[in-house]
Amino acid sequence: MCYSFAVKFRALSNSSSFRKSFAEFRSEKNLAVAILRQAWHEAAIDLMRVKESSRKEYLALKKKAIEWIRSDEDGFNYWCELADVDRSAI
């Protein structure tokens, strides 16, 4: 029973449609991780390390990132789900 399953799985995993869908899934997951990482980075900006002339723009960016992370909108939840990340961990 296990052998036949392994053979079927190997045949499935070697198919081009499986490889394509797996690659698309990995690409989407990588994109989701990058988006969440960027939001976290923007939310955690240390404004004292930013040039004084740029602080106003970075402060606006920081506030926007924090609002997005705290929101219950579908966007943030969607990217967490796609990245397979616990929303509360962020």
PDB file of N, CA and C in Angstrom:
ATOM      1  N   MET A   1       0.819  -1.187   0.000  1.00  0.00           N
ATOM      2  CA  MET A   1       0.000   0.000   0.000  1.00  0.00           C
ATOM      3  C   MET A   1       0.869   1.259   0.000  1.00  0.00           C
ATOM      4  N   CYS A   2       1.871   1.326   0.868  1.00  0.00           N
ATOM      5  CA  CYS A   2       2.739   2.501   0.939  1.00  0.00           C
ATOM      6  C   CYS A   2       3.539   2.661  -0.339  1.00  0.00           C
ATOM      7  N   TYR A   3       3.966   1.538  -0.914  1.00  0.00           N
ATOM      8  CA  TYR A   3       4.767   1.600  -2.136  1.00  0.00           C
ATOM      9  C   TYR A   3       3.956   2.198  -3.276  1.00  0.00           C
ATOM     10  N   SER A   4       2.712   1.769  -3.436  1.00  0.00           N
ATOM     11  CA  SER A   4       1.901   2.293  -4.530  1.00  0.00           C
ATOM     12  C   SER A   4       1.612   3.785  -4.330  1.00  0.00           C
ATOM     13  N   PHE A   5       1.434   4.183  -3.089  1.00  0.00           N
ATOM     14  CA  PHE A   5       1.229   5.607  -2.812  1.00  0.00           C
ATOM     15  C   PHE A   5       2.479   6.400  -3.186  1.00  0.00           C
ATOM     16  N   ALA A   6       3.651   5.883  -2.818  1.00  0.00           N
ATOM     17  CA  ALA A   6       4.912   6.568  -3.124  1.00  0.00           C
ATOM     18  C   ALA A   6       5.113   6.692  -4.627  1.00  0.00           C
ATOM     19  N   VAL A   7       4.773   5.643  -5.366  1.00  0.00           N
ATOM     20  CA  VAL A   7       4.920   5.675  -6.823  1.00  0.00           C
ATOM     21  C   VAL A   7       3.967   6.707  -7.415  1.00  0.00           C
ATOM     22  N   LYS A   8       2.724   6.720  -6.939  1.00  0.00           N
ATOM     23  CA  LYS A   8       1.747   7.694  -7.439  1.00  0.00           C
ATOM     24  C   LYS A   8       2.174   9.119  -7.082  1.00  0.00           C
ATOM     25  N   PHE A   9       2.664   9.301  -5.876  1.00  0.00           N
ATOM     26  CA  PHE A   9       3.092  10.631  -5.464  1.00  0.00           C
ATOM     27  C   PHE A   9       4.280  11.091  -6.295  1.00  0.00           C
ATOM     28  N   ARG A  10       5.240  10.193  -6.534  1.00  0.00           N
ATOM     29  CA  ARG A  10       6.410  10.533  -7.342  1.00  0.00           C
ATOM     30  C   ARG A  10       5.984  10.905  -8.753  1.00  0.00           C
ATOM     31  N   ALA A  11       5.026  10.168  -9.313  1.00  0.00           N
ATOM     32  CA  ALA A  11       4.542  10.482 -10.657  1.00  0.00           C
ATOM     33  C   ALA A  11       3.849  11.845 -10.662  1.00  0.00           C
ATOM     34  N   LEU A  12       3.078  12.111  -9.624  1.00  0.00           N
ATOM     35  CA  LEU A  12       2.395  13.400  -9.523  1.00  0.00           C
ATOM     36  C   LEU A  12       3.401  14.532  -9.365  1.00  0.00           C
ATOM     37  N   SER A  13       4.397  14.346  -8.499  1.00  0.00           N
ATOM     38  CA  SER A  13       5.358  15.411  -8.235  1.00  0.00           C
ATOM     39  C   SER A  13       6.269  15.673  -9.426  1.00  0.00           C
ATOM     40  N   ASN A  14       6.388  14.707 -10.320  1.00  0.00           N
ATOM     41  CA  ASN A  14       7.200  14.899 -11.517  1.00  0.00           C
ATOM     42  C   ASN A  14       6.411  15.538 -12.651  1.00  0.00           C
ATOM     43  N   SER A  15       5.121  15.659 -12.491  1.00  0.00           N
ATOM     44  CA  SER A  15       4.313  16.249 -13.553  1.00  0.00           C
ATOM     45  C   SER A  15       4.570  17.747 -13.617  1.00  0.00           C
ATOM     46  N   SER A  16       4.484  18.299 -14.796  1.00  0.00           N
ATOM     47  CA  SER A  16       4.773  19.722 -14.964  1.00  0.00           C
ATOM     48  C   SER A  16       3.720  20.588 -14.285  1.00  0.00           C
ATOM     49  N   SER A  17       2.467  20.155 -14.254  1.00  0.00           N
ATOM     50  CA  SER A  17       1.430  20.968 -13.611  1.00  0.00           C
ATOM     51  C   SER A  17       1.660  21.048 -12.100  1.00  0.00           C
ATOM     52  N   PHE A  18       2.119  19.967 -11.491  1.00  0.00           N
ATOM     53  CA  PHE A  18       2.411  19.990 -10.054  1.00  0.00           C
ATOM     54  C   PHE A  18       3.580  20.927  -9.778  1.00  0.00           C
ATOM     55  N   ARG A  19       4.648  20.819 -10.567  1.00  0.00           N
ATOM     56  CA  ARG A  19       5.820  21.674 -10.370  1.00  0.00           C
ATOM     57  C   ARG A  19       5.448  23.135 -10.557  1.00  0.00           C
ATOM     58  N   LYS A  20       4.610  23.427 -11.556  1.00  0.00           N
ATOM     59  CA  LYS A  20       4.210  24.799 -11.814  1.00  0.00           C
ATOM     60  C   LYS A  20       3.379  25.341 -10.658  1.00  0.00           C
ATOM     61  N   SER A  21       2.408  24.555 -10.188  1.00  0.00           N
ATOM     62  CA  SER A  21       1.560  25.037  -9.097  1.00  0.00           C
ATOM     63  C   SER A  21       2.367  25.175  -7.810  1.00  0.00           C
ATOM     64  N   PHE A  22       3.322  24.278  -7.570  1.00  0.00           N
ATOM     65  CA  PHE A  22       4.158  24.384  -6.380  1.00  0.00           C
ATOM     66  C   PHE A  22       5.043  25.620  -6.472  1.00  0.00           C
ATOM     67  N   ALA A  23       5.599  25.877  -7.647  1.00  0.00           N
ATOM     68  CA  ALA A  23       6.444  27.057  -7.834  1.00  0.00           C
ATOM     69  C   ALA A  23       5.632  28.329  -7.650  1.00  0.00           C
ATOM     70  N   GLU A  24       4.411  28.348  -8.157  1.00  0.00           N
ATOM     71  CA  GLU A  24       3.548  29.514  -7.979  1.00  0.00           C
ATOM     72  C   GLU A  24       3.228  29.723  -6.503  1.00  0.00           C
ATOM     73  N   PHE A  25       2.963  28.622  -5.794  1.00  0.00           N
ATOM     74  CA  PHE A  25       2.682  28.710  -4.368  1.00  0.00           C
ATOM     75  C   PHE A  25       3.885  29.282  -3.624  1.00  0.00           C
ATOM     76  N   ARG A  26       5.084  28.789  -3.926  1.00  0.00           N
ATOM     77  CA  ARG A  26       6.296  29.279  -3.268  1.00  0.00           C
ATOM     78  C   ARG A  26       6.509  30.757  -3.577  1.00  0.00           C
ATOM     79  N   SER A  27       6.259  31.149  -4.821  1.00  0.00           N
ATOM     80  CA  SER A  27       6.422  32.552  -5.207  1.00  0.00           C
ATOM     81  C   SER A  27       5.445  33.435  -4.442  1.00  0.00           C
ATOM     82  N   GLU A  28       4.192  33.003  -4.342  1.00  0.00           N
ATOM     83  CA  GLU A  28       3.192  33.772  -3.608  1.00  0.00           C
ATOM     84  C   GLU A  28       3.547  33.858  -2.131  1.00  0.00           C
ATOM     85  N   LYS A  29       4.014  32.756  -1.575  1.00  0.00           N
ATOM     86  CA  LYS A  29       4.389  32.749  -0.163  1.00  0.00           C
ATOM     87  C   LYS A  29       5.587  33.669   0.072  1.00  0.00           C
ATOM     88  N   ASN A  30       6.566  33.625  -0.825  1.00  0.00           N
ATOM     89  CA  ASN A  30       7.726  34.508  -0.694  1.00  0.00           C
ATOM     90  C   ASN A  30       7.317  35.973  -0.789  1.00  0.00           C
ATOM     91  N   LEU A  31       6.382  36.276  -1.688  1.00  0.00           N
ATOM     92  CA  LEU A  31       5.874  37.639  -1.810  1.00  0.00           C
ATOM     93  C   LEU A  31       5.186  38.068  -0.517  1.00  0.00           C
ATOM     94  N   ALA A  32       4.357  37.201   0.028  1.00  0.00           N
ATOM     95  CA  ALA A  32       3.642  37.513   1.272  1.00  0.00           C
ATOM     96  C   ALA A  32       4.624  37.765   2.413  1.00  0.00           C
ATOM     97  N   VAL A  33       5.649  36.946   2.512  1.00  0.00           N
ATOM     98  CA  VAL A  33       6.663  37.131   3.562  1.00  0.00           C
ATOM     99  C   VAL A  33       7.378  38.466   3.374  1.00  0.00           C
ATOM    100  N   ALA A  34       7.701  38.804   2.138  1.00  0.00           N
ATOM    101  CA  ALA A  34       8.384  40.068   1.864  1.00  0.00           C
ATOM    102  C   ALA A  34       7.504  41.269   2.233  1.00  0.00           C
ATOM    103  N   ILE A  35       6.228  41.183   1.923  1.00  0.00           N
ATOM    104  CA  ILE A  35       5.306  42.277   2.257  1.00  0.00           C
ATOM    105  C   ILE A  35       5.198  42.441   3.770  1.00  0.00           C
ATOM    106  N   LEU A  36       5.063  41.339   4.484  1.00  0.00           N
ATOM    107  CA  LEU A  36       4.960  41.413   5.948  1.00  0.00           C
ATOM    108  C   LEU A  36       6.265  41.899   6.569  1.00  0.00           C
ATOM    109  N   ARG A  37       7.381  41.450   6.022  1.00  0.00           N
ATOM    110  CA  ARG A  37       8.687  41.886   6.522  1.00  0.00           C
ATOM    111  C   ARG A  37       8.858  43.398   6.321  1.00  0.00           C
ATOM    112  N   GLN A  38       8.453  43.889   5.158  1.00  0.00           N
ATOM    113  CA  GLN A  38       8.555  45.320   4.882  1.00  0.00           C
ATOM    114  C   GLN A  38       7.668  46.127   5.831  1.00  0.00           C
ATOM    115  N   ALA A  39       6.457  45.651   6.053  1.00  0.00           N
ATOM    116  CA  ALA A  39       5.549  46.344   6.970  1.00  0.00           C
ATOM    117  C   ALA A  39       6.141  46.370   8.380  1.00  0.00           C
ATOM    118  N   TRP A  40       6.701  45.255   8.814  1.00  0.00           N
ATOM    119  CA  TRP A  40       7.311  45.196  10.140  1.00  0.00           C
ATOM    120  C   TRP A  40       8.490  46.158  10.219  1.00  0.00           C
ATOM    121  N   HIS A  41       9.309  46.165   9.181  1.00  0.00           N
ATOM    122  CA  HIS A  41      10.470  47.053   9.155  1.00  0.00           C
ATOM    123  C   HIS A  41      10.035  48.517   9.243  1.00  0.00           C
ATOM    124  N   GLU A  42       9.021  48.872   8.484  1.00  0.00           N
ATOM    125  CA  GLU A  42       8.538  50.253   8.493  1.00  0.00           C
ATOM    126  C   GLU A  42       7.920  50.614   9.842  1.00  0.00           C
ATOM    127  N   ALA A  43       7.244  49.661  10.464  1.00  0.00           N
ATOM    128  CA  ALA A  43       6.613  49.918  11.763  1.00  0.00           C
ATOM    129  C   ALA A  43       7.652  50.055  12.877  1.00  0.00           C
ATOM    130  N   ALA A  44       8.783  49.417  12.708  1.00  0.00           N
ATOM    131  CA  ALA A  44       9.806  49.404  13.760  1.00  0.00           C
ATOM    132  C   ALA A  44      10.949  50.386  13.502  1.00  0.00           C
ATOM    133  N   ILE A  45      10.761  51.301  12.573  1.00  0.00           N
ATOM    134  CA  ILE A  45      11.811  52.276  12.252  1.00  0.00           C
ATOM    135  C   ILE A  45      12.183  53.070  13.500  1.00  0.00           C
ATOM    136  N   ASP A  46      13.475  53.137  13.753  1.00  0.00           N
ATOM    137  CA  ASP A  46      13.980  53.979  14.841  1.00  0.00           C
ATOM    138  C   ASP A  46      14.192  55.370  14.262  1.00  0.00           C
ATOM    139  N   LEU A  47      13.282  56.272  14.564  1.00  0.00           N
ATOM    140  CA  LEU A  47      13.313  57.611  13.963  1.00  0.00           C
ATOM    141  C   LEU A  47      14.547  58.417  14.368  1.00  0.00           C
ATOM    142  N   MET A  48      15.176  58.058  15.458  1.00  0.00           N
ATOM    143  CA  MET A  48      16.374  58.775  15.883  1.00  0.00           C
ATOM    144  C   MET A  48      17.563  58.460  14.975  1.00  0.00           C
ATOM    145  N   ARG A  49      17.490  57.358  14.256  1.00  0.00           N
ATOM    146  CA  ARG A  49      18.569  56.981  13.347  1.00  0.00           C
ATOM    147  C   ARG A  49      18.366  57.548  11.943  1.00  0.00           C
ATOM    148  N   VAL A  50      17.228  58.154  11.717  1.00  0.00           N
ATOM    149  CA  VAL A  50      16.893  58.722  10.414  1.00  0.00           C
ATOM    150  C   VAL A  50      17.326  60.180  10.400  1.00  0.00           C
ATOM    151  N   LYS A  51      17.816  60.628   9.243  1.00  0.00           N
ATOM    152  CA  LYS A  51      18.190  62.039   9.128  1.00  0.00           C
ATOM    153  C   LYS A  51      17.019  62.921   9.546  1.00  0.00           C
ATOM    154  N   GLU A  52      17.317  63.975  10.214  1.00  0.00           N
ATOM    155  CA  GLU A  52      16.270  64.869  10.713  1.00  0.00           C
ATOM    156  C   GLU A  52      15.371  65.381   9.593  1.00  0.00           C
ATOM    157  N   SER A  53      15.948  65.631   8.441  1.00  0.00           N
ATOM    158  CA  SER A  53      15.160  66.143   7.313  1.00  0.00           C
ATOM    159  C   SER A  53      14.170  65.108   6.768  1.00  0.00           C
ATOM    160  N   SER A  54      14.391  63.833   7.053  1.00  0.00           N
ATOM    161  CA  SER A  54      13.521  62.765   6.545  1.00  0.00           C
ATOM    162  C   SER A  54      12.555  62.229   7.590  1.00  0.00           C
ATOM    163  N   ARG A  55      12.675  62.677   8.806  1.00  0.00           N
ATOM    164  CA  ARG A  55      11.869  62.104   9.896  1.00  0.00           C
ATOM    165  C   ARG A  55      10.374  62.227   9.669  1.00  0.00           C
ATOM    166  N   LYS A  56       9.931  63.338   9.106  1.00  0.00           N
ATOM    167  CA  LYS A  56       8.496  63.536   8.897  1.00  0.00           C
ATOM    168  C   LYS A  56       7.935  62.469   7.953  1.00  0.00           C
ATOM    169  N   GLU A  57       8.647  62.197   6.862  1.00  0.00           N
ATOM    170  CA  GLU A  57       8.189  61.173   5.911  1.00  0.00           C
ATOM    171  C   GLU A  57       8.219  59.778   6.549  1.00  0.00           C
ATOM    172  N   TYR A  58       9.296  59.500   7.295  1.00  0.00           N
ATOM    173  CA  TYR A  58       9.395  58.188   7.936  1.00  0.00           C
ATOM    174  C   TYR A  58       8.353  58.016   9.032  1.00  0.00           C
ATOM    175  N   LEU A  59       8.024  59.084   9.724  1.00  0.00           N
ATOM    176  CA  LEU A  59       6.984  59.020  10.751  1.00  0.00           C
ATOM    177  C   LEU A  59       5.638  58.679  10.119  1.00  0.00           C
ATOM    178  N   ALA A  60       5.335  59.302   8.984  1.00  0.00           N
ATOM    179  CA  ALA A  60       4.081  59.002   8.275  1.00  0.00           C
ATOM    180  C   ALA A  60       4.073  57.548   7.813  1.00  0.00           C
ATOM    181  N   LEU A  61       5.212  57.068   7.302  1.00  0.00           N
ATOM    182  CA  LEU A  61       5.330  55.682   6.862  1.00  0.00           C
ATOM    183  C   LEU A  61       5.153  54.723   8.034  1.00  0.00           C
ATOM    184  N   LYS A  62       5.771  55.061   9.156  1.00  0.00           N
ATOM    185  CA  LYS A  62       5.666  54.227  10.356  1.00  0.00           C
ATOM    186  C   LYS A  62       4.216  54.131  10.827  1.00  0.00           C
ATOM    187  N   LYS A  63       3.534  55.283  10.891  1.00  0.00           N
ATOM    188  CA  LYS A  63       2.137  55.282  11.336  1.00  0.00           C
ATOM    189  C   LYS A  63       1.251  54.455  10.404  1.00  0.00           C
ATOM    190  N   LYS A  64       1.478  54.603   9.119  1.00  0.00           N
ATOM    191  CA  LYS A  64       0.681  53.856   8.143  1.00  0.00           C
ATOM    192  C   LYS A  64       0.911  52.343   8.279  1.00  0.00           C
ATOM    193  N   ALA A  65       2.153  51.943   8.481  1.00  0.00           N
ATOM    194  CA  ALA A  65       2.470  50.516   8.640  1.00  0.00           C
ATOM    195  C   ALA A  65       1.841  49.956   9.912  1.00  0.00           C
ATOM    196  N   ILE A  66       1.916  50.713  10.993  1.00  0.00           N
ATOM    197  CA  ILE A  66       1.330  50.263  12.261  1.00  0.00           C
ATOM    198  C   ILE A  66      -0.186  50.141  12.140  1.00  0.00           C
ATOM    199  N   GLU A  67      -0.807  51.110  11.507  1.00  0.00           N
ATOM    200  CA  GLU A  67      -2.257  51.049  11.301  1.00  0.00           C
ATOM    201  C   GLU A  67      -2.638  49.822  10.477  1.00  0.00           C
ATOM    202  N   TRP A  68      -1.865  49.533   9.438  1.00  0.00           N
ATOM    203  CA  TRP A  68      -2.167  48.378   8.580  1.00  0.00           C
ATOM    204  C   TRP A  68      -2.015  47.079   9.357  1.00  0.00           C
ATOM    205  N   ILE A  69      -0.965  46.977  10.170  1.00  0.00           N
ATOM    206  CA  ILE A  69      -0.741  45.756  10.957  1.00  0.00           C
ATOM    207  C   ILE A  69      -1.844  45.575  11.998  1.00  0.00           C
ATOM    208  N   ARG A  70      -2.276  46.655  12.624  1.00  0.00           N
ATOM    209  CA  ARG A  70      -3.314  46.574  13.651  1.00  0.00           C
ATOM    210  C   ARG A  70      -4.715  46.389  13.090  1.00  0.00           C
ATOM    211  N   SER A  71      -4.899  46.683  11.832  1.00  0.00           N
ATOM    212  CA  SER A  71      -6.239  46.647  11.248  1.00  0.00           C
ATOM    213  C   SER A  71      -6.763  45.220  11.140  1.00  0.00           C
ATOM    214  N   ASP A  72      -8.056  45.118  11.070  1.00  0.00           N
ATOM    215  CA  ASP A  72      -8.702  43.828  10.867  1.00  0.00           C
ATOM    216  C   ASP A  72      -9.148  43.670   9.420  1.00  0.00           C
ATOM    217  N   GLU A  73      -8.580  44.495   8.556  1.00  0.00           N
ATOM    218  CA  GLU A  73      -8.949  44.409   7.152  1.00  0.00           C
ATOM    219  C   GLU A  73      -8.463  43.089   6.564  1.00  0.00           C
ATOM    220  N   ASP A  74      -9.083  42.717   5.462  1.00  0.00           N
ATOM    221  CA  ASP A  74      -8.727  41.454   4.810  1.00  0.00           C
ATOM    222  C   ASP A  74      -7.302  41.450   4.277  1.00  0.00           C
ATOM    223  N   GLY A  75      -6.778  42.605   3.892  1.00  0.00           N
ATOM    224  CA  GLY A  75      -5.438  42.653   3.301  1.00  0.00           C
ATOM    225  C   GLY A  75      -4.376  42.067   4.201  1.00  0.00           C
ATOM    226  N   PHE A  76      -4.276  42.552   5.428  1.00  0.00           N
ATOM    227  CA  PHE A  76      -3.255  42.063   6.343  1.00  0.00           C
ATOM    228  C   PHE A  76      -3.473  40.596   6.672  1.00  0.00           C
ATOM    229  N   ASN A  77      -4.715  40.241   6.958  1.00  0.00           N
ATOM    230  CA  ASN A  77      -5.017  38.838   7.268  1.00  0.00           C
ATOM    231  C   ASN A  77      -4.688  37.931   6.088  1.00  0.00           C
ATOM    232  N   TYR A  78      -4.994  38.392   4.892  1.00  0.00           N
ATOM    233  CA  TYR A  78      -4.718  37.602   3.684  1.00  0.00           C
ATOM    234  C   TYR A  78      -3.226  37.313   3.554  1.00  0.00           C
ATOM    235  N   TRP A  79      -2.387  38.344   3.729  1.00  0.00           N
ATOM    236  CA  TRP A  79      -0.948  38.150   3.567  1.00  0.00           C
ATOM    237  C   TRP A  79      -0.383  37.263   4.674  1.00  0.00           C
ATOM    238  N   CYS A  80      -0.927  37.371   5.889  1.00  0.00           N
ATOM    239  CA  CYS A  80      -0.488  36.484   6.977  1.00  0.00           C
ATOM    240  C   CYS A  80      -0.842  35.035   6.666  1.00  0.00           C
ATOM    241  N   GLU A  81      -2.057  34.841   6.184  1.00  0.00           N
ATOM    242  CA  GLU A  81      -2.498  33.497   5.830  1.00  0.00           C
ATOM    243  C   GLU A  81      -1.641  32.904   4.723  1.00  0.00           C
ATOM    244  N   LEU A  82      -1.375  33.697   3.700  1.00  0.00           N
ATOM    245  CA  LEU A  82      -0.579  33.232   2.574  1.00  0.00           C
ATOM    246  C   LEU A  82       0.848  32.924   2.996  1.00  0.00           C
ATOM    247  N   ALA A  83       1.390  33.711   3.914  1.00  0.00           N
ATOM    248  CA  ALA A  83       2.763  33.495   4.392  1.00  0.00           C
ATOM    249  C   ALA A  83       2.818  32.398   5.441  1.00  0.00           C
ATOM    250  N   ASP A  84       1.663  31.912   5.876  1.00  0.00           N
ATOM    251  CA  ASP A  84       1.572  30.900   6.929  1.00  0.00           C
ATOM    252  C   ASP A  84       2.192  31.437   8.231  1.00  0.00           C
ATOM    253  N   VAL A  85       1.777  32.669   8.571  1.00  0.00           N
ATOM    254  CA  VAL A  85       2.281  33.356   9.755  1.00  0.00           C
ATOM    255  C   VAL A  85       1.111  33.657  10.673  1.00  0.00           C
ATOM    256  N   ASP A  86       1.318  33.481  11.966  1.00  0.00           N
ATOM    257  CA  ASP A  86       0.299  33.827  12.943  1.00  0.00           C
ATOM    258  C   ASP A  86       0.199  35.348  13.024  1.00  0.00           C
ATOM    259  N   ARG A  87      -0.974  35.861  12.772  1.00  0.00           N
ATOM    260  CA  ARG A  87      -1.201  37.312  12.748  1.00  0.00           C
ATOM    261  C   ARG A  87      -0.778  37.959  14.059  1.00  0.00           C
ATOM    262  N   SER A  88      -1.066  37.300  15.168  1.00  0.00           N
ATOM    263  CA  SER A  88      -0.745  37.880  16.471  1.00  0.00           C
ATOM    264  C   SER A  88       0.761  37.906  16.735  1.00  0.00           C
ATOM    265  N   ALA A  89       1.524  37.113  16.023  1.00  0.00           N
ATOM    266  CA  ALA A  89       2.978  37.111  16.212  1.00  0.00           C
ATOM    267  C   ALA A  89       3.601  38.389  15.682  1.00  0.00           C
ATOM    268  N   ILE A  90       2.964  38.971  14.682  1.00  0.00           N
ATOM    269  CA  ILE A  90       3.493  40.207  14.103  1.00  0.00           C
ATOM    270  C   ILE A  90       3.056  41.374  14.954  1.00  0.00           C
TER     271      ILE A  90
END
